[in-house]
PDB file of N, CA and C in Angstrom:
ATOM      1  N   MET A   1       4.085  27.410  16.376  1.00  0.00           N
ATOM      2  CA  MET A   1       5.450  26.961  16.498  1.00  0.00           C
ATOM      3  C   MET A   1       5.558  25.455  16.275  1.00  0.00           C
ATOM      4  N   GLY A   2       4.479  24.737  16.492  1.00  0.00           N
ATOM      5  CA  GLY A   2       4.521  23.302  16.309  1.00  0.00           C
ATOM      6  C   GLY A   2       4.745  22.903  14.868  1.00  0.00           C
ATOM      7  N   LYS A   3       4.332  23.753  13.926  1.00  0.00           N
ATOM      8  CA  LYS A   3       4.485  23.415  12.523  1.00  0.00           C
ATOM      9  C   LYS A   3       5.944  23.329  12.117  1.00  0.00           C
ATOM     10  N   LYS A   4       6.774  24.163  12.693  1.00  0.00           N
ATOM     11  CA  LYS A   4       8.183  24.142  12.319  1.00  0.00           C
ATOM     12  C   LYS A   4       8.824  22.807  12.664  1.00  0.00           C
ATOM     13  N   SER A   5       8.508  22.275  13.837  1.00  0.00           N
ATOM     14  CA  SER A   5       9.102  20.997  14.208  1.00  0.00           C
ATOM     15  C   SER A   5       8.562  19.874  13.327  1.00  0.00           C
ATOM     16  N   ARG A   6       7.308  19.968  12.915  1.00  0.00           N
ATOM     17  CA  ARG A   6       6.753  18.960  12.012  1.00  0.00           C
ATOM     18  C   ARG A   6       7.431  19.037  10.655  1.00  0.00           C
ATOM     19  N   ARG A   7       7.660  20.244  10.183  1.00  0.00           N
ATOM     20  CA  ARG A   7       8.336  20.398   8.896  1.00  0.00           C
ATOM     21  C   ARG A   7       9.738  19.820   8.946  1.00  0.00           C
ATOM     22  N   LYS A   8      10.442  20.085  10.038  1.00  0.00           N
ATOM     23  CA  LYS A   8      11.798  19.559  10.168  1.00  0.00           C
ATOM     24  C   LYS A   8      11.781  18.035  10.207  1.00  0.00           C
ATOM     25  N   ALA A   9      10.801  17.462  10.892  1.00  0.00           N
ATOM     26  CA  ALA A   9      10.706  16.006  10.961  1.00  0.00           C
ATOM     27  C   ALA A   9      10.415  15.429   9.577  1.00  0.00           C
ATOM     28  N   LYS A  10       9.541  16.087   8.810  1.00  0.00           N
ATOM     29  CA  LYS A  10       9.251  15.613   7.461  1.00  0.00           C
ATOM     30  C   LYS A  10      10.491  15.695   6.579  1.00  0.00           C
ATOM     31  N   LEU A  11      11.237  16.771   6.712  1.00  0.00           N
ATOM     32  CA  LEU A  11      12.448  16.915   5.912  1.00  0.00           C
ATOM     33  C   LEU A  11      13.477  15.852   6.274  1.00  0.00           C
ATOM     34  N   ARG A  12      13.614  15.565   7.575  1.00  0.00           N
ATOM     35  CA  ARG A  12      14.555  14.528   7.987  1.00  0.00           C
ATOM     36  C   ARG A  12      14.126  13.165   7.468  1.00  0.00           C
ATOM     37  N   ALA A  13      12.823  12.870   7.526  1.00  0.00           N
ATOM     38  CA  ALA A  13      12.317  11.591   7.024  1.00  0.00           C
ATOM     39  C   ALA A  13      12.532  11.474   5.520  1.00  0.00           C
ATOM     40  N   ALA A  14      12.298  12.543   4.789  1.00  0.00           N
ATOM     41  CA  ALA A  14      12.515  12.525   3.340  1.00  0.00           C
ATOM     42  C   ALA A  14      13.992  12.327   3.021  1.00  0.00           C
ATOM     43  N   ALA A  15      14.858  12.940   3.794  1.00  0.00           N
ATOM     44  CA  ALA A  15      16.295  12.784   3.573  1.00  0.00           C
ATOM     45  C   ALA A  15      16.725  11.345   3.836  1.00  0.00           C
ATOM     46  N   ARG A  16      16.171  10.730   4.880  1.00  0.00           N
ATOM     47  CA  ARG A  16      16.503   9.332   5.163  1.00  0.00           C
ATOM     48  C   ARG A  16      16.034   8.416   4.044  1.00  0.00           C
ATOM     49  N   LEU A  17      14.816   8.650   3.528  1.00  0.00           N
ATOM     50  CA  LEU A  17      14.308   7.839   2.427  1.00  0.00           C
ATOM     51  C   LEU A  17      15.172   8.012   1.187  1.00  0.00           C
ATOM     52  N   ALA A  18      15.613   9.224   0.925  1.00  0.00           N
ATOM     53  CA  ALA A  18      16.445   9.480  -0.247  1.00  0.00           C
ATOM     54  C   ALA A  18      17.787   8.770  -0.120  1.00  0.00           C
ATOM     55  N   GLN A  19      18.306   8.650   1.078  1.00  0.00           N
ATOM     56  CA  GLN A  19      19.581   7.973   1.278  1.00  0.00           C
ATOM     57  C   GLN A  19      19.442   6.465   1.139  1.00  0.00           C
ATOM     58  N   ARG A  20      18.320   5.908   1.590  1.00  0.00           N
ATOM     59  CA  ARG A  20      18.136   4.453   1.565  1.00  0.00           C
ATOM     60  C   ARG A  20      17.950   3.924   0.151  1.00  0.00           C
ATOM     61  N   ALA A  21      16.962   4.444  -0.552  1.00  0.00           N
ATOM     62  CA  ALA A  21      16.630   3.913  -1.863  1.00  0.00           C
ATOM     63  C   ALA A  21      16.915   4.960  -2.936  1.00  0.00           C
ATOM     64  N   PRO A  22      17.577   4.554  -4.004  1.00  0.00           N
ATOM     65  CA  PRO A  22      17.784   5.503  -5.099  1.00  0.00           C
ATOM     66  C   PRO A  22      16.455   5.792  -5.789  1.00  0.00           C
ATOM     67  N   ALA A  23      16.397   6.907  -6.463  1.00  0.00           N
ATOM     68  CA  ALA A  23      15.163   7.304  -7.137  1.00  0.00           C
ATOM     69  C   ALA A  23      14.823   6.295  -8.221  1.00  0.00           C
ATOM     70  N   GLN A  24      13.568   5.863  -8.241  1.00  0.00           N
ATOM     71  CA  GLN A  24      13.092   4.908  -9.225  1.00  0.00           C
ATOM     72  C   GLN A  24      11.882   5.490  -9.921  1.00  0.00           C
ATOM     73  N   PRO A  25      11.639   5.095 -11.168  1.00  0.00           N
ATOM     74  CA  PRO A  25      10.467   5.620 -11.861  1.00  0.00           C
ATOM     75  C   PRO A  25       9.186   5.116 -11.211  1.00  0.00           C
ATOM     76  N   VAL A  26       8.155   5.947 -11.240  1.00  0.00           N
ATOM     77  CA  VAL A  26       6.883   5.595 -10.632  1.00  0.00           C
ATOM     78  C   VAL A  26       6.112   4.622 -11.514  1.00  0.00           C
ATOM     79  N   TYR A  27       6.323   4.668 -12.804  1.00  0.00           N
ATOM     80  CA  TYR A  27       5.615   3.788 -13.709  1.00  0.00           C
ATOM     81  C   TYR A  27       6.574   3.267 -14.765  1.00  0.00           C
ATOM     82  N   GLN A  28       6.172   2.175 -15.402  1.00  0.00           N
ATOM     83  CA  GLN A  28       6.944   1.617 -16.498  1.00  0.00           C
ATOM     84  C   GLN A  28       6.023   1.560 -17.711  1.00  0.00           C
ATOM     85  N   ALA A  29       6.366   2.260 -18.752  1.00  0.00           N
ATOM     86  CA  ALA A  29       5.532   2.312 -19.942  1.00  0.00           C
ATOM     87  C   ALA A  29       6.080   1.366 -20.997  1.00  0.00           C
ATOM     88  N   LYS A  30       5.166   0.654 -21.654  1.00  0.00           N
ATOM     89  CA  LYS A  30       5.553  -0.206 -22.762  1.00  0.00           C
ATOM     90  C   LYS A  30       5.426   0.607 -24.049  1.00  0.00           C
ATOM     91  N   PRO A  31       6.244   0.327 -25.033  1.00  0.00           N
ATOM     92  CA  PRO A  31       6.164   1.093 -26.270  1.00  0.00           C
ATOM     93  C   PRO A  31       4.853   0.810 -27.007  1.00  0.00           C
ATOM     94  N   ILE A  32       4.432   1.774 -27.797  1.00  0.00           N
ATOM     95  CA  ILE A  32       3.209   1.638 -28.583  1.00  0.00           C
ATOM     96  C   ILE A  32       3.521   0.805 -29.812  1.00  0.00           C
ATOM     97  N   ALA A  33       2.720  -0.235 -30.008  1.00  0.00           N
ATOM     98  CA  ALA A  33       2.912  -1.095 -31.162  1.00  0.00           C
ATOM     99  C   ALA A  33       1.911  -0.693 -32.245  1.00  0.00           C
ATOM    100  N   THR A  34       2.416  -0.325 -33.430  1.00  0.00           N
ATOM    101  CA  THR A  34       1.540   0.055 -34.539  1.00  0.00           C
ATOM    102  C   THR A  34       1.879  -0.797 -35.742  1.00  0.00           C
ATOM    103  N   GLN A  35       0.871  -1.097 -36.521  1.00  0.00           N
ATOM    104  CA  GLN A  35       1.064  -1.840 -37.752  1.00  0.00           C
ATOM    105  C   GLN A  35       0.576  -0.974 -38.901  1.00  0.00           C
ATOM    106  N   VAL A  36       1.275  -1.041 -40.011  1.00  0.00           N
ATOM    107  CA  VAL A  36       0.923  -0.211 -41.150  1.00  0.00           C
ATOM    108  C   VAL A  36      -0.347  -0.701 -41.812  1.00  0.00           C
ATOM    109  N   ALA A  37      -0.580  -2.017 -41.848  1.00  0.00           N
ATOM    110  CA  ALA A  37      -1.726  -2.580 -42.541  1.00  0.00           C
ATOM    111  C   ALA A  37      -3.039  -2.286 -41.813  1.00  0.00           C
ATOM    112  N   GLN A  38      -3.014  -2.179 -40.502  1.00  0.00           N
ATOM    113  CA  GLN A  38      -4.227  -1.953 -39.733  1.00  0.00           C
ATOM    114  C   GLN A  38      -4.288  -0.501 -39.269  1.00  0.00           C
ATOM    115  N   PRO A  39      -5.473   0.113 -39.308  1.00  0.00           N
ATOM    116  CA  PRO A  39      -5.579   1.496 -38.872  1.00  0.00           C
ATOM    117  C   PRO A  39      -5.551   1.677 -37.356  1.00  0.00           C
ATOM    118  N   LYS A  40      -5.786   0.612 -36.613  1.00  0.00           N
ATOM    119  CA  LYS A  40      -5.820   0.710 -35.152  1.00  0.00           C
ATOM    120  C   LYS A  40      -4.402   0.640 -34.586  1.00  0.00           C
ATOM    121  N   ALA A  41      -4.137   1.432 -33.591  1.00  0.00           N
ATOM    122  CA  ALA A  41      -2.854   1.394 -32.896  1.00  0.00           C
ATOM    123  C   ALA A  41      -3.087   0.871 -31.484  1.00  0.00           C
ATOM    124  N   VAL A  42      -2.179   0.088 -30.982  1.00  0.00           N
ATOM    125  CA  VAL A  42      -2.281  -0.447 -29.634  1.00  0.00           C
ATOM    126  C   VAL A  42      -1.750   0.609 -28.680  1.00  0.00           C
ATOM    127  N   ALA A  43      -2.556   0.977 -27.684  1.00  0.00           N
ATOM    128  CA  ALA A  43      -2.170   2.024 -26.737  1.00  0.00           C
ATOM    129  C   ALA A  43      -1.079   1.520 -25.806  1.00  0.00           C
ATOM    130  N   ALA A  44      -0.326   2.444 -25.281  1.00  0.00           N
ATOM    131  CA  ALA A  44       0.736   2.102 -24.327  1.00  0.00           C
ATOM    132  C   ALA A  44       0.115   1.618 -23.028  1.00  0.00           C
ATOM    133  N   SER A  45       0.704   0.614 -22.453  1.00  0.00           N
ATOM    134  CA  SER A  45       0.227   0.063 -21.196  1.00  0.00           C
ATOM    135  C   SER A  45       1.122   0.577 -20.076  1.00  0.00           C
ATOM    136  N   VAL A  46       0.523   1.212 -19.084  1.00  0.00           N
ATOM    137  CA  VAL A  46       1.282   1.775 -17.979  1.00  0.00           C
ATOM    138  C   VAL A  46       1.034   0.918 -16.744  1.00  0.00           C
ATOM    139  N   HIS A  47       2.099   0.358 -16.202  1.00  0.00           N
ATOM    140  CA  HIS A  47       2.007  -0.473 -15.007  1.00  0.00           C
ATOM    141  C   HIS A  47       2.713   0.248 -13.864  1.00  0.00           C
ATOM    142  N   PRO A  48       2.002   0.537 -12.762  1.00  0.00           N
ATOM    143  CA  PRO A  48       2.686   1.186 -11.643  1.00  0.00           C
ATOM    144  C   PRO A  48       3.661   0.219 -10.988  1.00  0.00           C
ATOM    145  N   ALA A  49       4.833   0.709 -10.699  1.00  0.00           N
ATOM    146  CA  ALA A  49       5.845  -0.092 -10.029  1.00  0.00           C
ATOM    147  C   ALA A  49       5.716   0.114  -8.523  1.00  0.00           C
ATOM    148  N   VAL A  50       5.860  -0.960  -7.764  1.00  0.00           N
ATOM    149  CA  VAL A  50       5.799  -0.860  -6.306  1.00  0.00           C
ATOM    150  C   VAL A  50       7.175  -0.466  -5.803  1.00  0.00           C
ATOM    151  N   LEU A  51       7.230   0.653  -5.147  1.00  0.00           N
ATOM    152  CA  LEU A  51       8.505   1.127  -4.618  1.00  0.00           C
ATOM    153  C   LEU A  51       8.839   0.386  -3.330  1.00  0.00           C
ATOM    154  N   PRO A  52      10.111   0.171  -3.047  1.00  0.00           N
ATOM    155  CA  PRO A  52      10.492  -0.503  -1.809  1.00  0.00           C
ATOM    156  C   PRO A  52      10.019   0.248  -0.567  1.00  0.00           C
ATOM    157  N   ALA A  53       9.980   1.561  -0.641  1.00  0.00           N
ATOM    158  CA  ALA A  53       9.526   2.341   0.513  1.00  0.00           C
ATOM    159  C   ALA A  53       8.060   2.064   0.807  1.00  0.00           C
ATOM    160  N   GLN A  54       7.252   1.897  -0.232  1.00  0.00           N
ATOM    161  CA  GLN A  54       5.835   1.594  -0.034  1.00  0.00           C
ATOM    162  C   GLN A  54       5.657   0.194   0.533  1.00  0.00           C
ATOM    163  N   ALA A  55       6.438  -0.756   0.054  1.00  0.00           N
ATOM    164  CA  ALA A  55       6.331  -2.124   0.547  1.00  0.00           C
ATOM    165  C   ALA A  55       6.717  -2.185   2.023  1.00  0.00           C
ATOM    166  N   ASN A  56       7.738  -1.447   2.419  1.00  0.00           N
ATOM    167  CA  ASN A  56       8.167  -1.446   3.817  1.00  0.00           C
ATOM    168  C   ASN A  56       7.169  -0.725   4.708  1.00  0.00           C
ATOM    169  N   ARG A  57       6.479   0.263   4.165  1.00  0.00           N
ATOM    170  CA  ARG A  57       5.560   1.057   4.970  1.00  0.00           C
ATOM    171  C   ARG A  57       4.358   0.231   5.424  1.00  0.00           C
ATOM    172  N   TYR A  58       3.888  -0.706   4.599  1.00  0.00           N
ATOM    173  CA  TYR A  58       2.668  -1.445   4.890  1.00  0.00           C
ATOM    174  C   TYR A  58       2.913  -2.922   5.184  1.00  0.00           C
ATOM    175  N   GLN A  59       4.104  -3.272   5.642  1.00  0.00           N
ATOM    176  CA  GLN A  59       4.413  -4.680   5.854  1.00  0.00           C
ATOM    177  C   GLN A  59       3.683  -5.276   7.065  1.00  0.00           C
ATOM    178  N   TYR A  60       3.203  -4.461   7.990  1.00  0.00           N
ATOM    179  CA  TYR A  60       2.540  -4.980   9.184  1.00  0.00           C
ATOM    180  C   TYR A  60       1.026  -4.947   9.076  1.00  0.00           C
ATOM    181  N   VAL A  61       0.483  -4.466   7.979  1.00  0.00           N
ATOM    182  CA  VAL A  61      -0.964  -4.305   7.860  1.00  0.00           C
ATOM    183  C   VAL A  61      -1.668  -5.655   7.796  1.00  0.00           C
ATOM    184  N   VAL A  62      -1.204  -6.560   6.945  1.00  0.00           N
ATOM    185  CA  VAL A  62      -1.885  -7.845   6.757  1.00  0.00           C
ATOM    186  C   VAL A  62      -1.877  -8.678   8.043  1.00  0.00           C
ATOM    187  N   PRO A  63      -0.754  -8.836   8.741  1.00  0.00           N
ATOM    188  CA  PRO A  63      -0.808  -9.608   9.993  1.00  0.00           C
ATOM    189  C   PRO A  63      -1.718  -8.984  11.049  1.00  0.00           C
ATOM    190  N   GLU A  64      -1.736  -7.653  11.111  1.00  0.00           N
ATOM    191  CA  GLU A  64      -2.608  -7.006  12.091  1.00  0.00           C
ATOM    192  C   GLU A  64      -4.074  -7.187  11.729  1.00  0.00           C
ATOM    193  N   MET A  65      -4.398  -7.139  10.445  1.00  0.00           N
ATOM    194  CA  MET A  65      -5.783  -7.372  10.025  1.00  0.00           C
ATOM    195  C   MET A  65      -6.209  -8.809  10.332  1.00  0.00           C
ATOM    196  N   GLN A  66      -5.298  -9.765  10.192  1.00  0.00           N
ATOM    197  CA  GLN A  66      -5.608 -11.155  10.530  1.00  0.00           C
ATOM    198  C   GLN A  66      -5.884 -11.284  12.029  1.00  0.00           C
ATOM    199  N   ARG A  67      -5.060 -10.638  12.848  1.00  0.00           N
ATOM    200  CA  ARG A  67      -5.287 -10.682  14.298  1.00  0.00           C
ATOM    201  C   ARG A  67      -6.623 -10.062  14.663  1.00  0.00           C
ATOM    202  N   ILE A  68      -6.943  -8.934  14.054  1.00  0.00           N
ATOM    203  CA  ILE A  68      -8.222  -8.273  14.338  1.00  0.00           C
ATOM    204  C   ILE A  68      -9.380  -9.185  13.948  1.00  0.00           C
ATOM    205  N   GLY A  69      -9.265  -9.851  12.804  1.00  0.00           N
ATOM    206  CA  GLY A  69     -10.316 -10.774  12.364  1.00  0.00           C
ATOM    207  C   GLY A  69     -10.492 -11.941  13.307  1.00  0.00           C
ATOM    208  N   ILE A  70      -9.398 -12.502  13.769  1.00  0.00           N
ATOM    209  CA  ILE A  70      -9.474 -13.639  14.697  1.00  0.00           C
ATOM    210  C   ILE A  70     -10.107 -13.216  16.019  1.00  0.00           C
ATOM    211  N   ILE A  71      -9.666 -12.096  16.544  1.00  0.00           N
ATOM    212  CA  ILE A  71     -10.208 -11.618  17.824  1.00  0.00           C
ATOM    213  C   ILE A  71     -11.690 -11.294  17.702  1.00  0.00           C
ATOM    214  N   SER A  72     -12.085 -10.631  16.605  1.00  0.00           N
ATOM    215  CA  SER A  72     -13.508 -10.301  16.445  1.00  0.00           C
ATOM    216  C   SER A  72     -14.341 -11.560  16.255  1.00  0.00           C
ATOM    217  N   GLY A  73     -13.816 -12.564  15.571  1.00  0.00           N
ATOM    218  CA  GLY A  73     -14.540 -13.829  15.407  1.00  0.00           C
ATOM    219  C   GLY A  73     -14.744 -14.537  16.736  1.00  0.00           C
ATOM    220  N   VAL A  74     -13.701 -14.563  17.554  1.00  0.00           N
ATOM    221  CA  VAL A  74     -13.808 -15.203  18.870  1.00  0.00           C
ATOM    222  C   VAL A  74     -14.828 -14.461  19.739  1.00  0.00           C
ATOM    223  N   LEU A  75     -14.792 -13.147  19.729  1.00  0.00           N
ATOM    224  CA  LEU A  75     -15.753 -12.374  20.521  1.00  0.00           C
ATOM    225  C   LEU A  75     -17.182 -12.591  20.027  1.00  0.00           C
ATOM    226  N   PHE A  76     -17.357 -12.700  18.714  1.00  0.00           N
ATOM    227  CA  PHE A  76     -18.686 -12.949  18.158  1.00  0.00           C
ATOM    228  C   PHE A  76     -19.214 -14.312  18.604  1.00  0.00           C
ATOM    229  N   VAL A  77     -18.356 -15.330  18.587  1.00  0.00           N
ATOM    230  CA  VAL A  77     -18.767 -16.677  19.049  1.00  0.00           C
ATOM    231  C   VAL A  77     -19.111 -16.642  20.532  1.00  0.00           C
ATOM    232  N   ILE A  78     -18.347 -15.920  21.331  1.00  0.00           N
ATOM    233  CA  ILE A  78     -18.628 -15.806  22.767  1.00  0.00           C
ATOM    234  C   ILE A  78     -19.990 -15.152  22.984  1.00  0.00           C
ATOM    235  N   LEU A  79     -20.305 -14.110  22.209  1.00  0.00           N
ATOM    236  CA  LEU A  79     -21.608 -13.456  22.333  1.00  0.00           C
ATOM    237  C   LEU A  79     -22.752 -14.405  21.976  1.00  0.00           C
ATOM    238  N   ILE A  80     -22.574 -15.213  20.948  1.00  0.00           N
ATOM    239  CA  ILE A  80     -23.621 -16.166  20.561  1.00  0.00           C
ATOM    240  C   ILE A  80     -23.826 -17.205  21.663  1.00  0.00           C
ATOM    241  N   VAL A  81     -22.743 -17.722  22.213  1.00  0.00           N
ATOM    242  CA  VAL A  81     -22.842 -18.733  23.302  1.00  0.00           C
ATOM    243  C   VAL A  81     -23.505 -18.098  24.521  1.00  0.00           C
ATOM    244  N   LEU A  82     -23.152 -16.894  24.878  1.00  0.00           N
ATOM    245  CA  LEU A  82     -23.768 -16.228  26.016  1.00  0.00           C
ATOM    246  C   LEU A  82     -25.268 -15.971  25.792  1.00  0.00           C
ATOM    247  N   ALA A  83     -25.632 -15.667  24.548  1.00  0.00           N
ATOM    248  CA  ALA A  83     -27.047 -15.453  24.234  1.00  0.00           C
ATOM    249  C   ALA A  83     -27.849 -16.732  24.477  1.00  0.00           C
ATOM    250  N   PHE A  84     -27.299 -17.902  24.087  1.00  0.00           N
ATOM    251  CA  PHE A  84     -28.010 -19.163  24.316  1.00  0.00           C
ATOM    252  C   PHE A  84     -28.028 -19.535  25.802  1.00  0.00           C
ATOM    253  N   VAL A  85     -26.943 -19.267  26.493  1.00  0.00           N
ATOM    254  CA  VAL A  85     -26.857 -19.651  27.913  1.00  0.00           C
ATOM    255  C   VAL A  85     -27.772 -18.779  28.760  1.00  0.00           C
ATOM    256  N   LEU A  86     -27.818 -17.497  28.490  1.00  0.00           N
ATOM    257  CA  LEU A  86     -28.596 -16.585  29.318  1.00  0.00           C
ATOM    258  C   LEU A  86     -30.091 -16.610  28.995  1.00  0.00           C
ATOM    259  N   HIS A  87     -30.495 -17.120  27.889  1.00  0.00           N
ATOM    260  CA  HIS A  87     -31.925 -17.204  27.560  1.00  0.00           C
ATOM    261  C   HIS A  87     -32.455 -18.473  28.002  1.00  0.00           C
TER     262      HIS A  87
END
C-alpha cells in the first residue's frame, strides 16, 4: 500500500514542475556544416542545456561540501595536535 502514496507524491511533484517551468529541449544541436570542395563533413555538435529544475535541485550541494571540507580539515588538525601532545 505504501507504493500508491509514493506514486501519488511523484505525480504531484511532476505536476508542480510542469507548472513552474515550460518544457525546454534537453539538448541544442548545431547544424552540420559541409563543403563541396572537401570530402569531410563537420559533425553536429550537441550541447546539453542545463534545465532550471536541475539548477534548483543542486543549489545547496556546493556550500554543504565546503562546510564538510572545513569541518573535516579542522578535525584532522585537532587529531594531529593531540597526537603530538599525547606522545
